PDB file of N, CA and C in Angstrom:
ATOM      1  N   MET A   1       6.572  -9.037  11.325  1.00  0.00           N
ATOM      2  CA  MET A   1       6.233  -9.255   9.907  1.00  0.00           C
ATOM      3  C   MET A   1       7.226 -10.113   9.303  1.00  0.00           C
ATOM      4  N   LYS A   2       6.875 -11.160   8.580  1.00  0.00           N
ATOM      5  CA  LYS A   2       7.743 -12.005   7.858  1.00  0.00           C
ATOM      6  C   LYS A   2       8.346 -11.260   6.595  1.00  0.00           C
ATOM      7  N   ALA A   3       9.581 -11.558   6.278  1.00  0.00           N
ATOM      8  CA  ALA A   3      10.212 -11.086   4.931  1.00  0.00           C
ATOM      9  C   ALA A   3      11.097 -12.138   4.508  1.00  0.00           C
ATOM     10  N   TYR A   4      11.574 -11.914   3.350  1.00  0.00           N
ATOM     11  CA  TYR A   4      12.474 -12.729   2.586  1.00  0.00           C
ATOM     12  C   TYR A   4      13.530 -12.104   1.932  1.00  0.00           C
ATOM     13  N   LEU A   5      14.841 -12.559   2.138  1.00  0.00           N
ATOM     14  CA  LEU A   5      15.932 -11.899   1.723  1.00  0.00           C
ATOM     15  C   LEU A   5      16.542 -12.581   0.430  1.00  0.00           C
ATOM     16  N   GLY A   6      16.696 -11.834  -0.503  1.00  0.00           N
ATOM     17  CA  GLY A   6      17.414 -12.260  -1.835  1.00  0.00           C
ATOM     18  C   GLY A   6      18.682 -11.592  -2.013  1.00  0.00           C
ATOM     19  N   ILE A   7      19.638 -12.394  -2.367  1.00  0.00           N
ATOM     20  CA  ILE A   7      21.113 -12.070  -2.631  1.00  0.00           C
ATOM     21  C   ILE A   7      21.545 -12.484  -3.936  1.00  0.00           C
ATOM     22  N   ASP A   8      22.093 -11.626  -4.724  1.00  0.00           N
ATOM     23  CA  ASP A   8      22.661 -11.929  -6.049  1.00  0.00           C
ATOM     24  C   ASP A   8      24.094 -11.433  -6.085  1.00  0.00           C
ATOM     25  N   VAL A   9      25.120 -12.401  -5.973  1.00  0.00           N
ATOM     26  CA  VAL A   9      26.381 -11.975  -5.976  1.00  0.00           C
ATOM     27  C   VAL A   9      27.005 -12.271  -7.447  1.00  0.00           C
ATOM     28  N   GLY A  10      27.245 -11.234  -8.215  1.00  0.00           N
ATOM     29  CA  GLY A  10      27.638 -11.426  -9.420  1.00  0.00           C
ATOM     30  C   GLY A  10      29.161 -10.906  -9.578  1.00  0.00           C
ATOM     31  N   SER A  11      29.752 -11.084 -10.778  1.00  0.00           N
ATOM     32  CA  SER A  11      31.115 -10.628 -10.991  1.00  0.00           C
ATOM     33  C   SER A  11      31.160  -9.131 -10.994  1.00  0.00           C
ATOM     34  N   VAL A  12      29.980  -8.420 -11.493  1.00  0.00           N
ATOM     35  CA  VAL A  12      30.105  -6.962 -11.424  1.00  0.00           C
ATOM     36  C   VAL A  12      29.406  -6.275 -10.364  1.00  0.00           C
ATOM     37  N   SER A  13      28.292  -6.797  -9.908  1.00  0.00           N
ATOM     38  CA  SER A  13      27.570  -6.252  -8.788  1.00  0.00           C
ATOM     39  C   SER A  13      27.004  -7.290  -7.820  1.00  0.00           C
ATOM     40  N   THR A  14      26.743  -6.823  -6.642  1.00  0.00           N
ATOM     41  CA  THR A  14      26.037  -7.497  -5.690  1.00  0.00           C
ATOM     42  C   THR A  14      24.755  -6.783  -5.244  1.00  0.00           C
ATOM     43  N   ASN A  15      23.681  -7.511  -5.366  1.00  0.00           N
ATOM     44  CA  ASN A  15      22.444  -6.942  -5.197  1.00  0.00           C
ATOM     45  C   ASN A  15      21.704  -7.733  -3.925  1.00  0.00           C
ATOM     46  N   ILE A  16      21.052  -6.875  -3.179  1.00  0.00           N
ATOM     47  CA  ILE A  16      20.298  -7.501  -2.048  1.00  0.00           C
ATOM     48  C   ILE A  16      18.942  -6.901  -1.941  1.00  0.00           C
ATOM     49  N   VAL A  17      17.929  -7.761  -1.741  1.00  0.00           N
ATOM     50  CA  VAL A  17      16.597  -7.154  -1.671  1.00  0.00           C
ATOM     51  C   VAL A  17      15.967  -7.804  -0.459  1.00  0.00           C
ATOM     52  N   LEU A  18      15.026  -7.226   0.283  1.00  0.00           N
ATOM     53  CA  LEU A  18      14.220  -7.697   1.216  1.00  0.00           C
ATOM     54  C   LEU A  18      12.815  -7.506   0.950  1.00  0.00           C
ATOM     55  N   LEU A  19      11.960  -8.557   0.666  1.00  0.00           N
ATOM     56  CA  LEU A  19      10.654  -8.552   0.313  1.00  0.00           C
ATOM     57  C   LEU A  19       9.808  -8.876   1.507  1.00  0.00           C
ATOM     58  N   SER A  20       8.684  -8.356   1.498  1.00  0.00           N
ATOM     59  CA  SER A  20       7.540  -8.590   2.569  1.00  0.00           C
ATOM     60  C   SER A  20       6.913 -10.060   2.188  1.00  0.00           C
ATOM     61  N   ASP A  21       6.155 -10.473   3.156  1.00  0.00           N
ATOM     62  CA  ASP A  21       5.400 -11.751   2.794  1.00  0.00           C
ATOM     63  C   ASP A  21       4.414 -11.458   1.526  1.00  0.00           C
ATOM     64  N   GLU A  22       4.101 -10.325   1.334  1.00  0.00           N
ATOM     65  CA  GLU A  22       3.214  -9.864   0.167  1.00  0.00           C
ATOM     66  C   GLU A  22       3.951  -9.620  -1.131  1.00  0.00           C
ATOM     67  N   GLY A  23       5.345  -9.869  -1.065  1.00  0.00           N
ATOM     68  CA  GLY A  23       6.085  -9.356  -2.256  1.00  0.00           C
ATOM     69  C   GLY A  23       6.464  -7.994  -2.536  1.00  0.00           C
ATOM     70  N   GLU A  24       6.131  -7.169  -1.469  1.00  0.00           N
ATOM     71  CA  GLU A  24       6.538  -5.737  -1.549  1.00  0.00           C
ATOM     72  C   GLU A  24       8.015  -5.584  -1.147  1.00  0.00           C
ATOM     73  N   VAL A  25       8.637  -4.688  -1.896  1.00  0.00           N
ATOM     74  CA  VAL A  25      10.162  -4.495  -1.591  1.00  0.00           C
ATOM     75  C   VAL A  25      10.269  -3.573  -0.224  1.00  0.00           C
ATOM     76  N   ILE A  26      10.969  -4.073   0.734  1.00  0.00           N
ATOM     77  CA  ILE A  26      11.083  -3.368   1.966  1.00  0.00           C
ATOM     78  C   ILE A  26      12.361  -2.552   1.778  1.00  0.00           C
ATOM     79  N   THR A  27      13.398  -3.192   1.213  1.00  0.00           N
ATOM     80  CA  THR A  27      14.742  -2.383   0.945  1.00  0.00           C
ATOM     81  C   THR A  27      15.357  -3.211  -0.056  1.00  0.00           C
ATOM     82  N   ASN A  28      16.262  -2.387  -0.867  1.00  0.00           N
ATOM     83  CA  ASN A  28      17.175  -3.086  -1.759  1.00  0.00           C
ATOM     84  C   ASN A  28      18.431  -2.288  -1.892  1.00  0.00           C
ATOM     85  N   LEU A  29      19.427  -3.067  -2.390  1.00  0.00           N
ATOM     86  CA  LEU A  29      20.731  -2.261  -2.387  1.00  0.00           C
ATOM     87  C   LEU A  29      21.421  -2.923  -3.700  1.00  0.00           C
ATOM     88  N   TYR A  30      22.141  -2.049  -4.346  1.00  0.00           N
ATOM     89  CA  TYR A  30      23.016  -2.399  -5.499  1.00  0.00           C
ATOM     90  C   TYR A  30      24.451  -1.927  -5.116  1.00  0.00           C
ATOM     91  N   ILE A  31      25.441  -2.809  -5.083  1.00  0.00           N
ATOM     92  CA  ILE A  31      26.821  -2.252  -4.994  1.00  0.00           C
ATOM     93  C   ILE A  31      27.701  -2.959  -6.005  1.00  0.00           C
ATOM     94  N   ARG A  32      28.859  -2.414  -6.198  1.00  0.00           N
ATOM     95  CA  ARG A  32      29.813  -3.004  -7.104  1.00  0.00           C
ATOM     96  C   ARG A  32      30.542  -4.088  -6.325  1.00  0.00           C
ATOM     97  N   THR A  33      30.759  -5.220  -6.976  1.00  0.00           N
ATOM     98  CA  THR A  33      31.565  -6.470  -6.316  1.00  0.00           C
ATOM     99  C   THR A  33      33.065  -6.237  -6.431  1.00  0.00           C
ATOM    100  N   ARG A  34      33.481  -5.624  -7.480  1.00  0.00           N
ATOM    101  CA  ARG A  34      34.962  -5.199  -7.599  1.00  0.00           C
ATOM    102  C   ARG A  34      35.872  -6.348  -7.351  1.00  0.00           C
ATOM    103  N   GLY A  35      35.380  -7.537  -7.737  1.00  0.00           N
ATOM    104  CA  GLY A  35      36.240  -8.682  -7.666  1.00  0.00           C
ATOM    105  C   GLY A  35      36.517  -9.289  -6.319  1.00  0.00           C
ATOM    106  N   ARG A  36      35.623  -8.681  -5.200  1.00  0.00           N
ATOM    107  CA  ARG A  36      35.862  -9.093  -3.922  1.00  0.00           C
ATOM    108  C   ARG A  36      34.423  -9.395  -3.390  1.00  0.00           C
ATOM    109  N   PRO A  37      33.915 -10.647  -3.774  1.00  0.00           N
ATOM    110  CA  PRO A  37      32.569 -10.951  -3.410  1.00  0.00           C
ATOM    111  C   PRO A  37      32.291 -11.126  -1.975  1.00  0.00           C
ATOM    112  N   ILE A  38      33.257 -11.558  -1.153  1.00  0.00           N
ATOM    113  CA  ILE A  38      33.092 -11.783   0.276  1.00  0.00           C
ATOM    114  C   ILE A  38      32.948 -10.321   0.972  1.00  0.00           C
ATOM    115  N   GLU A  39      33.827  -9.384   0.635  1.00  0.00           N
ATOM    116  CA  GLU A  39      33.753  -8.101   1.110  1.00  0.00           C
ATOM    117  C   GLU A  39      32.509  -7.295   0.668  1.00  0.00           C
ATOM    118  N   ALA A  40      32.088  -7.550  -0.665  1.00  0.00           N
ATOM    119  CA  ALA A  40      31.003  -6.800  -1.155  1.00  0.00           C
ATOM    120  C   ALA A  40      29.705  -7.273  -0.344  1.00  0.00           C
ATOM    121  N   LEU A  41      29.592  -8.545  -0.221  1.00  0.00           N
ATOM    122  CA  LEU A  41      28.424  -9.231   0.508  1.00  0.00           C
ATOM    123  C   LEU A  41      28.321  -8.702   1.986  1.00  0.00           C
ATOM    124  N   GLN A  42      29.598  -8.684   2.591  1.00  0.00           N
ATOM    125  CA  GLN A  42      29.562  -8.242   3.985  1.00  0.00           C
ATOM    126  C   GLN A  42      29.145  -6.885   4.147  1.00  0.00           C
ATOM    127  N   ALA A  43      29.652  -5.922   3.322  1.00  0.00           N
ATOM    128  CA  ALA A  43      29.300  -4.517   3.183  1.00  0.00           C
ATOM    129  C   ALA A  43      27.826  -4.301   2.991  1.00  0.00           C
ATOM    130  N   GLY A  44      27.369  -5.078   1.928  1.00  0.00           N
ATOM    131  CA  GLY A  44      26.044  -5.043   1.543  1.00  0.00           C
ATOM    132  C   GLY A  44      25.053  -5.419   2.632  1.00  0.00           C
ATOM    133  N   LEU A  45      25.428  -6.436   3.410  1.00  0.00           N
ATOM    134  CA  LEU A  45      24.514  -6.884   4.602  1.00  0.00           C
ATOM    135  C   LEU A  45      24.471  -5.860   5.655  1.00  0.00           C
ATOM    136  N   ARG A  46      25.671  -5.269   5.934  1.00  0.00           N
ATOM    137  CA  ARG A  46      25.844  -4.276   6.908  1.00  0.00           C
ATOM    138  C   ARG A  46      24.831  -3.056   6.520  1.00  0.00           C
ATOM    139  N   GLU A  47      24.993  -2.709   5.288  1.00  0.00           N
ATOM    140  CA  GLU A  47      24.191  -1.559   4.857  1.00  0.00           C
ATOM    141  C   GLU A  47      22.641  -1.798   4.887  1.00  0.00           C
ATOM    142  N   THR A  48      22.344  -3.020   4.365  1.00  0.00           N
ATOM    143  CA  THR A  48      20.909  -3.401   4.384  1.00  0.00           C
ATOM    144  C   THR A  48      20.355  -3.478   5.734  1.00  0.00           C
ATOM    145  N   ALA A  49      21.027  -3.988   6.669  1.00  0.00           N
ATOM    146  CA  ALA A  49      20.616  -4.183   8.094  1.00  0.00           C
ATOM    147  C   ALA A  49      20.247  -2.748   8.673  1.00  0.00           C
ATOM    148  N   LYS A  50      20.777  -1.720   8.152  1.00  0.00           N
ATOM    149  CA  LYS A  50      20.403  -0.390   8.751  1.00  0.00           C
ATOM    150  C   LYS A  50      18.935  -0.025   8.248  1.00  0.00           C
ATOM    151  N   ASP A  51      18.460  -0.618   7.237  1.00  0.00           N
ATOM    152  CA  ASP A  51      17.114  -0.272   6.654  1.00  0.00           C
ATOM    153  C   ASP A  51      16.011  -1.216   7.063  1.00  0.00           C
ATOM    154  N   ILE A  52      16.358  -2.315   7.769  1.00  0.00           N
ATOM    155  CA  ILE A  52      15.443  -3.242   8.136  1.00  0.00           C
ATOM    156  C   ILE A  52      14.588  -2.901   9.307  1.00  0.00           C
ATOM    157  N   PRO A  53      13.270  -2.834   9.409  1.00  0.00           N
ATOM    158  CA  PRO A  53      12.589  -2.357  10.564  1.00  0.00           C
ATOM    159  C   PRO A  53      12.652  -3.473  11.784  1.00  0.00           C
ATOM    160  N   ALA A  54      12.639  -3.181  12.912  1.00  0.00           N
ATOM    161  CA  ALA A  54      12.827  -3.907  14.011  1.00  0.00           C
ATOM    162  C   ALA A  54      11.866  -5.103  14.126  1.00  0.00           C
ATOM    163  N   ASP A  55      10.621  -4.982  13.528  1.00  0.00           N
ATOM    164  CA  ASP A  55       9.751  -5.979  13.638  1.00  0.00           C
ATOM    165  C   ASP A  55       9.668  -7.135  12.563  1.00  0.00           C
ATOM    166  N   ILE A  56      10.810  -7.074  11.784  1.00  0.00           N
ATOM    167  CA  ILE A  56      10.971  -7.996  10.765  1.00  0.00           C
ATOM    168  C   ILE A  56      11.563  -9.272  11.156  1.00  0.00           C
ATOM    169  N   ASP A  57      10.912 -10.408  10.651  1.00  0.00           N
ATOM    170  CA  ASP A  57      11.524 -11.748  10.956  1.00  0.00           C
ATOM    171  C   ASP A  57      11.749 -12.299   9.628  1.00  0.00           C
ATOM    172  N   ILE A  58      13.093 -12.459   9.310  1.00  0.00           N
ATOM    173  CA  ILE A  58      13.532 -13.047   8.032  1.00  0.00           C
ATOM    174  C   ILE A  58      13.173 -14.556   8.100  1.00  0.00           C
ATOM    175  N   ALA A  59      12.250 -14.945   7.176  1.00  0.00           N
ATOM    176  CA  ALA A  59      11.805 -16.337   7.177  1.00  0.00           C
ATOM    177  C   ALA A  59      12.491 -17.245   6.177  1.00  0.00           C
ATOM    178  N   GLY A  60      13.236 -16.593   5.194  1.00  0.00           N
ATOM    179  CA  GLY A  60      13.928 -17.295   4.204  1.00  0.00           C
ATOM    180  C   GLY A  60      14.970 -16.443   3.512  1.00  0.00           C
ATOM    181  N   VAL A  61      15.948 -17.207   3.031  1.00  0.00           N
ATOM    182  CA  VAL A  61      17.004 -16.517   2.232  1.00  0.00           C
ATOM    183  C   VAL A  61      17.343 -17.218   1.007  1.00  0.00           C
ATOM    184  N   GLY A  62      17.436 -16.530  -0.137  1.00  0.00           N
ATOM    185  CA  GLY A  62      17.731 -17.211  -1.402  1.00  0.00           C
ATOM    186  C   GLY A  62      18.960 -16.432  -2.005  1.00  0.00           C
ATOM    187  N   THR A  63      19.897 -17.293  -2.673  1.00  0.00           N
ATOM    188  CA  THR A  63      21.015 -16.679  -3.469  1.00  0.00           C
ATOM    189  C   THR A  63      21.047 -16.989  -4.889  1.00  0.00           C
ATOM    190  N   THR A  64      21.528 -16.106  -5.590  1.00  0.00           N
ATOM    191  CA  THR A  64      21.760 -16.297  -7.063  1.00  0.00           C
ATOM    192  C   THR A  64      23.154 -15.725  -7.308  1.00  0.00           C
ATOM    193  N   GLY A  65      23.524 -15.858  -8.722  1.00  0.00           N
ATOM    194  CA  GLY A  65      24.634 -15.296  -9.256  1.00  0.00           C
ATOM    195  C   GLY A  65      25.818 -16.192  -9.202  1.00  0.00           C
ATOM    196  N   SER A  66      26.938 -15.637  -9.800  1.00  0.00           N
ATOM    197  CA  SER A  66      28.098 -16.477  -9.939  1.00  0.00           C
ATOM    198  C   SER A  66      28.818 -16.873  -8.516  1.00  0.00           C
ATOM    199  N   GLY A  67      28.391 -15.940  -7.570  1.00  0.00           N
ATOM    200  CA  GLY A  67      28.945 -16.194  -6.115  1.00  0.00           C
ATOM    201  C   GLY A  67      27.820 -16.803  -5.390  1.00  0.00           C
ATOM    202  N   ARG A  68      26.717 -17.450  -5.967  1.00  0.00           N
ATOM    203  CA  ARG A  68      25.601 -17.972  -5.188  1.00  0.00           C
ATOM    204  C   ARG A  68      25.872 -18.912  -4.156  1.00  0.00           C
ATOM    205  N   PHE A  69      26.867 -19.975  -4.449  1.00  0.00           N
ATOM    206  CA  PHE A  69      27.158 -20.856  -3.477  1.00  0.00           C
ATOM    207  C   PHE A  69      28.036 -20.275  -2.193  1.00  0.00           C
ATOM    208  N   LEU A  70      28.982 -19.366  -2.594  1.00  0.00           N
ATOM    209  CA  LEU A  70      29.720 -18.741  -1.484  1.00  0.00           C
ATOM    210  C   LEU A  70      28.841 -17.977  -0.759  1.00  0.00           C
ATOM    211  N   ALA A  71      27.919 -17.067  -1.270  1.00  0.00           N
ATOM    212  CA  ALA A  71      26.936 -16.441  -0.356  1.00  0.00           C
ATOM    213  C   ALA A  71      25.998 -17.234   0.320  1.00  0.00           C
ATOM    214  N   GLY A  72      25.490 -18.287  -0.289  1.00  0.00           N
ATOM    215  CA  GLY A  72      24.683 -19.208   0.377  1.00  0.00           C
ATOM    216  C   GLY A  72      25.278 -19.903   1.616  1.00  0.00           C
ATOM    217  N   VAL A  73      26.504 -20.178   1.587  1.00  0.00           N
ATOM    218  CA  VAL A  73      27.174 -20.680   2.717  1.00  0.00           C
ATOM    219  C   VAL A  73      27.388 -19.622   3.851  1.00  0.00           C
ATOM    220  N   MET A  74      27.790 -18.311   3.281  1.00  0.00           N
ATOM    221  CA  MET A  74      27.930 -17.305   4.312  1.00  0.00           C
ATOM    222  C   MET A  74      26.753 -16.971   5.063  1.00  0.00           C
ATOM    223  N   VAL A  75      25.614 -16.951   4.316  1.00  0.00           N
ATOM    224  CA  VAL A  75      24.417 -16.562   5.125  1.00  0.00           C
ATOM    225  C   VAL A  75      23.613 -17.654   5.498  1.00  0.00           C
ATOM    226  N   GLY A  76      23.821 -19.001   5.202  1.00  0.00           N
ATOM    227  CA  GLY A  76      23.101 -20.046   5.561  1.00  0.00           C
ATOM    228  C   GLY A  76      21.673 -20.030   4.715  1.00  0.00           C
ATOM    229  N   ALA A  77      21.766 -19.733   3.434  1.00  0.00           N
ATOM    230  CA  ALA A  77      20.752 -19.736   2.571  1.00  0.00           C
ATOM    231  C   ALA A  77      19.760 -20.961   2.510  1.00  0.00           C
ATOM    232  N   ASP A  78      18.486 -20.801   2.459  1.00  0.00           N
ATOM    233  CA  ASP A  78      17.533 -21.728   2.317  1.00  0.00           C
ATOM    234  C   ASP A  78      17.435 -22.386   0.879  1.00  0.00           C
ATOM    235  N   VAL A  79      17.857 -21.322  -0.130  1.00  0.00           N
ATOM    236  CA  VAL A  79      17.737 -21.874  -1.472  1.00  0.00           C
ATOM    237  C   VAL A  79      18.917 -21.204  -2.170  1.00  0.00           C
ATOM    238  N   ILE A  80      19.607 -22.007  -3.079  1.00  0.00           N
ATOM    239  CA  ILE A  80      20.600 -21.532  -3.892  1.00  0.00           C
ATOM    240  C   ILE A  80      20.393 -21.827  -5.364  1.00  0.00           C
ATOM    241  N   LYS A  81      20.125 -20.882  -6.268  1.00  0.00           N
ATOM    242  CA  LYS A  81      19.690 -21.250  -7.596  1.00  0.00           C
ATOM    243  C   LYS A  81      20.407 -20.360  -8.546  1.00  0.00           C
ATOM    244  N   ASN A  82      20.439 -20.809  -9.870  1.00  0.00           N
ATOM    245  CA  ASN A  82      21.069 -19.920 -10.871  1.00  0.00           C
ATOM    246  C   ASN A  82      20.036 -18.884 -11.365  1.00  0.00           C
ATOM    247  N   GLU A  83      20.379 -17.950 -12.042  1.00  0.00           N
ATOM    248  CA  GLU A  83      19.488 -16.809 -12.453  1.00  0.00           C
ATOM    249  C   GLU A  83      18.425 -17.357 -13.452  1.00  0.00           C
ATOM    250  N   ILE A  84      18.735 -18.331 -14.265  1.00  0.00           N
ATOM    251  CA  ILE A  84      17.771 -18.824 -15.131  1.00  0.00           C
ATOM    252  C   ILE A  84      16.533 -19.258 -14.372  1.00  0.00           C
ATOM    253  N   THR A  85      16.789 -20.168 -13.433  1.00  0.00           N
ATOM    254  CA  THR A  85      15.872 -20.716 -12.620  1.00  0.00           C
ATOM    255  C   THR A  85      14.971 -19.736 -11.843  1.00  0.00           C
ATOM    256  N   ALA A  86      15.703 -18.689 -11.236  1.00  0.00           N
ATOM    257  CA  ALA A  86      15.030 -17.605 -10.513  1.00  0.00           C
ATOM    258  C   ALA A  86      14.173 -16.699 -11.427  1.00  0.00           C
ATOM    259  N   HIS A  87      14.601 -16.480 -12.663  1.00  0.00           N
ATOM    260  CA  HIS A  87      13.784 -15.771 -13.589  1.00  0.00           C
ATOM    261  C   HIS A  87      12.468 -16.654 -13.999  1.00  0.00           C
ATOM    262  N   ALA A  88      12.751 -17.852 -14.193  1.00  0.00           N
ATOM    263  CA  ALA A  88      11.546 -18.674 -14.467  1.00  0.00           C
ATOM    264  C   ALA A  88      10.550 -18.565 -13.551  1.00  0.00           C
ATOM    265  N   VAL A  89      10.945 -18.825 -12.269  1.00  0.00           N
ATOM    266  CA  VAL A  89      10.086 -18.901 -11.069  1.00  0.00           C
ATOM    267  C   VAL A  89       9.319 -17.534 -10.963  1.00  0.00           C
ATOM    268  N   ALA A  90      10.158 -16.505 -11.173  1.00  0.00           N
ATOM    269  CA  ALA A  90       9.475 -15.082 -11.034  1.00  0.00           C
ATOM    270  C   ALA A  90       8.488 -14.937 -12.130  1.00  0.00           C
ATOM    271  N   ALA A  91       8.832 -15.285 -13.302  1.00  0.00           N
ATOM    272  CA  ALA A  91       7.925 -15.169 -14.408  1.00  0.00           C
ATOM    273  C   ALA A  91       6.635 -15.946 -14.208  1.00  0.00           C
ATOM    274  N   SER A  92       6.733 -17.023 -13.686  1.00  0.00           N
ATOM    275  CA  SER A  92       5.512 -17.759 -13.405  1.00  0.00           C
ATOM    276  C   SER A  92       4.564 -17.335 -12.311  1.00  0.00           C
ATOM    277  N   LEU A  93       5.083 -16.370 -11.514  1.00  0.00           N
ATOM    278  CA  LEU A  93       4.262 -15.595 -10.513  1.00  0.00           C
ATOM    279  C   LEU A  93       3.430 -14.605 -11.223  1.00  0.00           C
ATOM    280  N   TYR A  94       4.016 -14.014 -12.218  1.00  0.00           N
ATOM    281  CA  TYR A  94       3.333 -12.944 -12.901  1.00  0.00           C
ATOM    282  C   TYR A  94       2.423 -13.434 -14.057  1.00  0.00           C
ATOM    283  N   GLU A  95       2.970 -14.524 -14.643  1.00  0.00           N
ATOM    284  CA  GLU A  95       2.241 -15.153 -15.761  1.00  0.00           C
ATOM    285  C   GLU A  95       2.119 -16.726 -15.713  1.00  0.00           C
ATOM    286  N   PRO A  96       0.982 -17.107 -15.011  1.00  0.00           N
ATOM    287  CA  PRO A  96       0.892 -18.534 -14.726  1.00  0.00           C
ATOM    288  C   PRO A  96       0.882 -19.408 -15.978  1.00  0.00           C
ATOM    289  N   ARG A  97       0.592 -19.027 -17.150  1.00  0.00           N
ATOM    290  CA  ARG A  97       0.664 -19.791 -18.384  1.00  0.00           C
ATOM    291  C   ARG A  97       2.097 -20.195 -18.564  1.00  0.00           C
ATOM    292  N   CYS A  98       3.275 -19.441 -18.055  1.00  0.00           N
ATOM    293  CA  CYS A  98       4.542 -19.961 -18.439  1.00  0.00           C
ATOM    294  C   CYS A  98       4.751 -21.398 -18.007  1.00  0.00           C
ATOM    295  N   LYS A  99       4.254 -21.956 -17.048  1.00  0.00           N
ATOM    296  CA  LYS A  99       4.338 -23.376 -16.638  1.00  0.00           C
ATOM    297  C   LYS A  99       3.878 -24.193 -17.750  1.00  0.00           C
ATOM    298  N   GLN A 100       2.778 -23.932 -18.363  1.00  0.00           N
ATOM    299  CA  GLN A 100       2.335 -24.624 -19.542  1.00  0.00           C
ATOM    300  C   GLN A 100       3.241 -24.673 -20.765  1.00  0.00           C
ATOM    301  N   TYR A 101       3.831 -23.463 -20.986  1.00  0.00           N
ATOM    302  CA  TYR A 101       4.952 -23.348 -22.008  1.00  0.00           C
ATOM    303  C   TYR A 101       6.191 -24.178 -21.588  1.00  0.00           C
ATOM    304  N   TRP A 102       6.645 -24.223 -20.437  1.00  0.00           N
ATOM    305  CA  TRP A 102       7.799 -25.007 -20.030  1.00  0.00           C
ATOM    306  C   TRP A 102       7.506 -26.501 -20.230  1.00  0.00           C
ATOM    307  N   ARG A 103       6.318 -27.038 -19.763  1.00  0.00           N
ATOM    308  CA  ARG A 103       6.046 -28.333 -19.968  1.00  0.00           C
ATOM    309  C   ARG A 103       5.933 -28.776 -21.491  1.00  0.00           C
ATOM    310  N   SER A 104       5.342 -27.916 -22.210  1.00  0.00           N
ATOM    311  CA  SER A 104       5.290 -28.160 -23.646  1.00  0.00           C
ATOM    312  C   SER A 104       6.669 -28.193 -24.298  1.00  0.00           C
ATOM    313  N   ALA A 105       7.427 -27.184 -23.971  1.00  0.00           N
ATOM    314  CA  ALA A 105       8.805 -27.172 -24.434  1.00  0.00           C
ATOM    315  C   ALA A 105       9.701 -28.447 -24.051  1.00  0.00           C
ATOM    316  N   ALA A 106       9.422 -28.873 -22.868  1.00  0.00           N
ATOM    317  CA  ALA A 106      10.282 -29.938 -22.309  1.00  0.00           C
ATOM    318  C   ALA A 106       9.855 -31.206 -23.040  1.00  0.00           C
ATOM    319  N   ARG A 107       8.587 -31.453 -23.367  1.00  0.00           N
ATOM    320  CA  ARG A 107       8.166 -32.488 -24.228  1.00  0.00           C
ATOM    321  C   ARG A 107       8.753 -32.637 -25.555  1.00  0.00           C
ATOM    322  N   THR A 108       8.857 -31.378 -26.105  1.00  0.00           N
ATOM    323  CA  THR A 108       9.359 -31.353 -27.482  1.00  0.00           C
ATOM    324  C   THR A 108      10.739 -31.511 -27.683  1.00  0.00           C
ATOM    325  N   GLN A 109      11.518 -31.315 -26.528  1.00  0.00           N
ATOM    326  CA  GLN A 109      13.049 -31.475 -26.551  1.00  0.00           C
ATOM    327  C   GLN A 109      13.377 -32.851 -26.350  1.00  0.00           C
ATOM    328  N   LYS A 110      12.468 -33.756 -25.894  1.00  0.00           N
ATOM    329  CA  LYS A 110      12.912 -35.195 -25.763  1.00  0.00           C
ATOM    330  C   LYS A 110      12.957 -35.957 -27.024  1.00  0.00           C
TER     331      LYS A 110
END
């Protein structure tokens, strides 16, 4: 089964989620970063790996957060985005009219 790994490394917490191809949460983890993003990510990935079923094929990885570039390099991320972009994309999945609003707002900003 295909799944997608999301990693958010922030100054306060490191969050990891594995989503199925259908968008269902397979596993998720919240841990404190404690000013050590590398160690937090390593520990988080070790812990997450324990909960991943054997038939999972991780088809993509995305990172966000203040440590997104570091995390992206560490895991070979396919996508590295800031939280604002990640929130906007997620919102558009649940409310397709969001894209209309963005286009309208972009035109009025010029």
